[in-house]
Amino acid sequence: MTVSAALQWAWRDELPKMPAAERPAGLSAASAWASILRYGELHSVIDRQPNRYGCVPFDVAGWPHADALRIAEAVEALAGLVVEVPDGWNPAPELVAIDADLARKAVEDTLRAAIVERDGETVFRVAADVLVVRHAILGTVPQWRMDLPEATVEIGEGGRPKWYVLREIPTVVGTNPDGSDRIVTETIEVDGWSSRKRRPLPGAYQRRKFDPDPVPAMVERAEYEIFAAAMTHLAGDLSGRLETIEIVADEWPARPWCESPDSAQNRRTPKILPDLEAAKRPGGAPKRQL
């Protein structure tokens, strides 16, 4: 059974057998999974409290299969792993051929949207375990396909391209010891179009942009990389640990937008997540470059 099939079996058929109030011994009660089944995730009304696995309990009482609990435990362990941002990471290298400067800015905007500073380190906002549970329940894979944008200039009212110019503006920022205003000169961007002369002002410039904005799709690609790496880790972690299931890794390319899905080198190749095996070694930090 593939990892994805095992996860769907666990979350769809077995883990909902556990009542909302039950907490199995050995597993932490704290979990972000319970929020996954809210209205905004599945677009359906959930009027009962999910159990600790984010599942709405079945009406018929029961207890999950032991293998399902082991699978859930392995997924929960993903929460302790740190997803790091590699130097030079770029989830949309194809944009460089369209406009290298805009491509660089798109990566910067993606990082601002997708990462946070935590304990002095730059890490992705999304947690690997939450991603895995979300897609196990929905039976999906994070979207990674992206329509190529066009490089264009900003358009203002009336369909006219917008122009900008830099101006140095004296600004009062406080008071000097003698009571006078403390003034600094700030450079600001103002309208660079002369309505009277109907032409750009001297030194005016235009802003270029991608249309449509590729950043949301690039964030989704980051989630795909994290998800694929986490699933690869789960395949190794669960191998030989289950009583009734033989786990087989899903053959997903790590970065399908870069390499052929049939490329052996591309399949299950670490890209974003930290080297998860380091977390198991003595003294190894829970980080690895997946």
Protein backbone atom coordinates (compact mmCIF):
# COMPACT_ATOMS: atom_id res chain seq x y z
CA MET A 1 0.00 0.00 0.00
CA THR A 2 1.36 3.44 -0.88
CA VAL A 3 1.87 6.02 1.83
CA SER A 4 -0.96 8.17 0.46
CA ALA A 5 -3.35 5.20 0.39
CA ALA A 6 -2.36 4.25 3.95
CA LEU A 7 -2.97 7.80 5.16
CA GLN A 8 -6.38 7.93 3.51
CA TRP A 9 -7.28 4.56 5.03
CA ALA A 10 -6.20 5.74 8.47
CA TRP A 11 -7.93 9.12 8.39
CA ARG A 12 -11.05 8.11 6.50
CA ASP A 13 -11.77 4.62 7.81
CA GLU A 14 -10.01 4.09 11.13
CA LEU A 15 -9.20 7.26 13.06
CA PRO A 16 -12.82 8.52 12.97
CA LYS A 17 -13.64 5.51 15.17
CA MET A 18 -12.05 7.31 18.10
CA PRO A 19 -14.50 9.47 20.09
CA ALA A 20 -13.72 13.15 20.47
CA ALA A 21 -13.02 12.81 24.20
CA GLU A 22 -10.52 9.95 23.94
CA ARG A 23 -6.76 10.48 24.07
CA PRO A 24 -4.55 7.41 23.50
CA ALA A 25 -1.67 6.92 25.89
CA GLY A 26 1.68 8.12 24.63
CA LEU A 27 0.38 10.77 22.24
CA SER A 28 0.25 14.44 23.04
CA ALA A 29 -3.21 15.95 23.28
CA ALA A 30 -1.93 19.16 21.71
CA SER A 31 -2.47 19.11 17.97
CA ALA A 32 -3.18 21.55 15.17
CA TRP A 33 -5.05 18.85 13.27
CA ALA A 34 -8.40 19.56 14.93
CA SER A 35 -8.69 22.79 12.96
CA ILE A 36 -8.32 21.07 9.60
CA LEU A 37 -11.95 19.96 9.37
CA ARG A 38 -13.37 23.40 9.94
CA TYR A 39 -15.67 24.98 7.40
CA GLY A 40 -12.93 26.84 5.59
CA GLU A 41 -10.97 23.66 4.85
CA LEU A 42 -13.62 21.28 3.54
CA HIS A 43 -16.31 23.86 2.64
CA SER A 44 -18.88 21.92 4.63
CA VAL A 45 -20.59 22.48 7.95
CA ILE A 46 -19.05 20.51 10.81
CA ASP A 47 -21.43 20.56 13.78
CA ARG A 48 -19.58 18.08 15.99
CA GLN A 49 -16.27 18.28 17.81
CA PRO A 50 -13.45 16.55 15.88
CA ASN A 51 -11.30 14.05 17.73
CA ARG A 52 -7.58 14.56 18.30
CA TYR A 53 -6.83 13.51 14.72
CA GLY A 54 -9.03 16.19 13.17
CA CYS A 55 -11.69 13.60 12.29
CA VAL A 56 -15.39 13.86 13.05
CA PRO A 57 -16.09 10.64 15.01
CA PHE A 58 -18.29 7.95 13.49
CA ASP A 59 -21.71 7.40 15.06
CA VAL A 60 -20.80 3.78 15.78
CA ALA A 61 -18.38 3.38 18.67
CA GLY A 62 -15.12 1.55 18.06
CA TRP A 63 -11.36 1.81 18.23
CA PRO A 64 -8.90 2.52 15.41
CA HIS A 65 -6.74 -0.26 14.01
CA ALA A 66 -3.32 -0.44 15.65
CA ASP A 67 -1.63 0.30 12.32
CA ALA A 68 -3.72 3.44 11.91
CA LEU A 69 -2.53 4.65 15.31
CA ARG A 70 1.09 3.97 14.34
CA ILE A 71 0.59 5.92 11.13
CA ALA A 72 -0.89 8.83 13.08
CA GLU A 73 2.02 8.73 15.52
CA ALA A 74 4.52 8.91 12.64
CA VAL A 75 2.67 11.85 11.12
CA GLU A 76 2.54 13.61 14.48
CA ALA A 77 6.33 13.27 14.74
CA LEU A 78 6.65 15.46 11.64
CA ALA A 79 5.59 18.42 13.80
CA GLY A 80 8.96 18.32 15.55
CA LEU A 81 10.88 18.79 12.32
CA VAL A 82 12.00 22.17 11.06
CA VAL A 83 11.50 23.07 7.42
CA GLU A 84 14.44 25.22 6.40
CA VAL A 85 14.85 27.52 3.39
CA PRO A 86 17.92 26.53 1.34
CA ASP A 87 20.16 29.25 -0.04
CA GLY A 88 19.18 30.15 -3.58
CA TRP A 89 15.81 28.41 -3.33
CA ASN A 90 13.59 29.27 -6.29
CA PRO A 91 10.25 27.51 -6.85
CA ALA A 92 9.73 29.04 -10.31
CA PRO A 93 13.02 29.11 -12.23
CA GLU A 94 11.12 29.35 -15.51
CA LEU A 95 10.29 32.98 -14.71
CA VAL A 96 13.92 34.02 -15.17
CA ALA A 97 13.63 33.63 -18.93
CA ILE A 98 10.68 36.06 -18.95
CA ASP A 99 12.23 38.76 -16.76
CA ALA A 100 15.15 38.05 -14.44
CA ASP A 101 14.57 41.10 -12.22
CA LEU A 102 10.87 40.37 -11.77
CA ALA A 103 11.67 36.71 -11.15
CA ARG A 104 14.06 37.69 -8.36
CA LYS A 105 11.40 39.95 -6.82
CA ALA A 106 8.80 37.17 -7.08
CA VAL A 107 11.04 34.85 -5.05
CA GLU A 108 11.52 37.58 -2.43
CA ASP A 109 7.76 38.15 -2.25
CA THR A 110 7.16 34.40 -1.98
CA LEU A 111 9.56 34.11 0.93
CA ARG A 112 7.85 37.00 2.70
CA ALA A 113 4.49 35.28 2.22
CA ALA A 114 5.64 31.75 3.07
CA ILE A 115 8.22 32.04 5.85
CA VAL A 116 8.55 33.36 9.38
CA GLU A 117 11.41 33.96 11.78
CA ARG A 118 11.27 31.45 14.63
CA ASP A 119 13.93 31.11 17.33
CA GLY A 120 16.37 33.04 15.18
CA GLU A 121 15.86 30.82 12.14
CA THR A 122 13.99 31.34 8.88
CA VAL A 123 11.40 28.59 8.47
CA PHE A 124 8.28 27.98 6.40
CA ARG A 125 4.96 28.92 7.96
CA VAL A 126 3.28 25.66 7.03
CA ALA A 127 3.90 22.62 9.22
CA ALA A 128 4.66 19.32 7.50
CA ASP A 129 2.25 17.31 9.67
CA VAL A 130 -0.64 19.70 9.01
CA LEU A 131 0.00 19.52 5.26
CA VAL A 132 0.05 15.73 5.33
CA VAL A 133 -3.13 15.43 7.38
CA ARG A 134 -4.95 18.01 5.27
CA HIS A 135 -4.24 16.19 2.04
CA ALA A 136 -4.73 12.73 3.54
CA ILE A 137 -8.27 13.71 4.50
CA LEU A 138 -9.03 15.40 1.20
CA GLY A 139 -7.24 12.81 -0.93
CA THR A 140 -5.32 15.52 -2.76
CA VAL A 141 -1.78 16.68 -3.48
CA PRO A 142 -0.67 20.32 -3.15
CA GLN A 143 -1.09 22.18 -6.43
CA TRP A 144 2.12 22.98 -8.25
CA ARG A 145 1.07 23.84 -11.80
CA MET A 146 1.36 27.49 -12.73
CA ASP A 147 0.28 29.52 -15.74
CA LEU A 148 3.25 31.46 -17.04
CA PRO A 149 2.73 35.20 -16.50
CA GLU A 150 3.61 38.03 -18.83
CA ALA A 151 5.94 40.88 -17.92
CA THR A 152 4.03 44.12 -18.27
CA VAL A 153 4.02 47.66 -16.90
CA GLU A 154 1.61 48.97 -14.30
CA ILE A 155 -1.50 50.50 -15.81
CA GLY A 156 -3.34 53.43 -14.27
CA GLU A 157 -6.72 55.03 -14.86
CA GLY A 158 -7.86 55.17 -18.45
CA GLY A 159 -5.53 52.36 -19.44
CA ARG A 160 -2.48 54.63 -19.46
CA PRO A 161 0.85 53.23 -18.22
CA LYS A 162 1.81 54.65 -14.83
CA TRP A 163 4.97 56.69 -14.36
CA TYR A 164 6.88 57.40 -11.17
CA VAL A 165 9.65 59.76 -10.15
CA LEU A 166 11.75 60.04 -6.98
CA ARG A 167 11.66 63.26 -4.97
CA GLU A 168 13.60 64.31 -1.87
CA ILE A 169 11.20 65.66 0.73
CA PRO A 170 12.25 67.40 3.99
CA THR A 171 10.46 65.67 6.87
CA VAL A 172 10.20 66.69 10.54
CA VAL A 173 11.10 63.66 12.66
CA GLY A 174 11.49 65.22 16.10
CA THR A 175 12.94 68.10 18.07
CA ASN A 176 16.55 69.19 18.50
CA PRO A 177 17.97 70.01 21.98
CA ASP A 178 17.56 73.72 21.22
CA GLY A 179 13.86 73.25 20.55
CA SER A 180 14.06 73.51 16.77
CA ASP A 181 12.60 70.92 14.45
CA ARG A 182 14.84 68.00 13.57
CA ILE A 183 14.53 67.56 9.84
CA VAL A 184 15.73 64.74 7.65
CA THR A 185 15.46 64.35 3.91
CA GLU A 186 13.49 61.34 2.76
CA THR A 187 13.31 60.02 -0.78
CA ILE A 188 9.77 59.16 -1.78
CA GLU A 189 8.09 57.96 -4.95
CA VAL A 190 5.52 60.29 -6.50
CA ASP A 191 3.49 60.50 -9.69
CA GLY A 192 5.88 60.92 -12.60
CA TRP A 193 3.36 62.00 -15.24
CA SER A 194 2.93 65.64 -16.21
CA SER A 195 -0.76 66.23 -16.86
CA ARG A 196 -0.02 69.69 -18.25
CA LYS A 197 2.62 68.56 -20.74
CA ARG A 198 1.04 65.13 -21.15
CA ARG A 199 4.34 63.34 -20.94
CA PRO A 200 6.57 61.76 -18.28
CA LEU A 201 8.57 64.10 -16.06
CA PRO A 202 12.38 64.11 -16.44
CA GLY A 203 13.82 61.08 -14.66
CA ALA A 204 10.47 59.29 -14.56
CA TYR A 205 10.32 55.51 -14.77
CA GLN A 206 7.76 52.76 -15.05
CA ARG A 207 7.21 49.79 -12.78
CA ARG A 208 7.11 46.36 -14.34
CA LYS A 209 5.19 43.42 -12.94
CA PHE A 210 4.15 39.87 -13.71
CA ASP A 211 0.54 39.38 -14.76
CA PRO A 212 -0.96 37.29 -13.30
CA ASP A 213 0.93 37.45 -10.02
CA PRO A 214 2.90 34.17 -9.70
CA VAL A 215 3.48 34.44 -5.93
CA PRO A 216 0.39 32.44 -4.78
CA ALA A 217 1.36 29.59 -7.12
CA MET A 218 4.97 29.75 -5.91
CA VAL A 219 3.79 29.42 -2.30
CA GLU A 220 1.80 26.35 -3.36
CA ARG A 221 4.95 24.90 -4.93
CA ALA A 222 6.73 25.35 -1.62
CA GLU A 223 3.94 23.40 0.05
CA TYR A 224 4.24 20.69 -2.58
CA GLU A 225 7.97 20.32 -1.90
CA ILE A 226 7.36 20.07 1.84
CA PHE A 227 4.52 17.59 1.35
CA ALA A 228 6.47 15.36 -1.06
CA ALA A 229 9.50 15.35 1.22
CA ALA A 230 7.38 14.56 4.27
CA MET A 231 5.68 11.67 2.47
CA THR A 232 9.06 10.27 1.46
CA HIS A 233 10.17 10.46 5.07
CA LEU A 234 7.00 8.70 6.23
CA ALA A 235 7.63 5.85 3.79
CA GLY A 236 10.99 5.18 5.40
CA ASP A 237 9.74 5.75 8.93
CA LEU A 238 6.79 3.34 8.59
CA SER A 239 8.63 0.64 6.65
CA GLY A 240 8.55 -2.59 8.65
CA ARG A 241 6.66 -1.02 11.57
CA LEU A 242 3.10 -1.96 10.60
CA GLU A 243 1.51 -5.32 11.36
CA THR A 244 -0.83 -5.70 8.39
CA ILE A 245 0.42 -3.19 5.81
CA GLU A 246 3.53 -3.17 3.68
CA ILE A 247 4.32 0.46 2.90
CA VAL A 248 5.42 1.46 -0.59
CA ALA A 249 6.67 4.98 -1.31
CA ASP A 250 4.64 7.15 -3.65
CA GLU A 251 6.61 7.85 -6.82
CA TRP A 252 6.20 11.62 -6.91
CA PRO A 253 8.88 13.90 -8.37
CA ALA A 254 10.31 16.29 -5.80
CA ARG A 255 10.12 19.26 -8.19
CA PRO A 256 7.96 18.26 -11.17
CA TRP A 257 8.15 21.74 -12.66
CA CYS A 258 11.93 21.38 -13.08
CA GLU A 259 12.52 17.81 -14.17
CA SER A 260 10.76 15.00 -15.95
CA PRO A 261 8.50 12.88 -13.71
CA ASP A 262 10.29 9.87 -15.20
CA SER A 263 13.69 11.06 -14.04
CA ALA A 264 15.03 8.75 -11.35
CA GLN A 265 17.18 11.54 -10.01
CA ASN A 266 14.16 13.78 -9.59
CA ARG A 267 12.07 11.27 -7.70
CA ARG A 268 12.19 11.63 -3.94
CA THR A 269 15.22 13.91 -4.13
CA PRO A 270 15.67 16.12 -1.04
CA LYS A 271 15.07 19.79 -1.85
CA ILE A 272 13.42 21.82 0.91
CA LEU A 273 12.75 19.94 4.14
CA PRO A 274 15.67 19.38 6.48
CA ASP A 275 17.43 16.00 6.44
CA LEU A 276 14.86 14.21 8.56
CA GLU A 277 17.13 11.27 9.30
CA ALA A 278 19.43 13.59 11.27
CA ALA A 279 16.68 13.94 13.84
CA LYS A 280 17.01 10.26 14.70
CA ARG A 281 20.77 10.25 15.15
CA PRO A 282 22.24 10.80 18.63
CA GLY A 283 22.70 14.52 19.09
CA GLY A 284 21.12 15.20 15.73
CA ALA A 285 18.99 18.31 15.54
CA PRO A 286 15.44 17.85 14.22
CA LYS A 287 16.40 19.46 10.93
CA ARG A 288 17.19 18.14 7.53
CA GLN A 289 17.32 19.24 3.96
CA LEU A 290 14.49 17.36 2.30
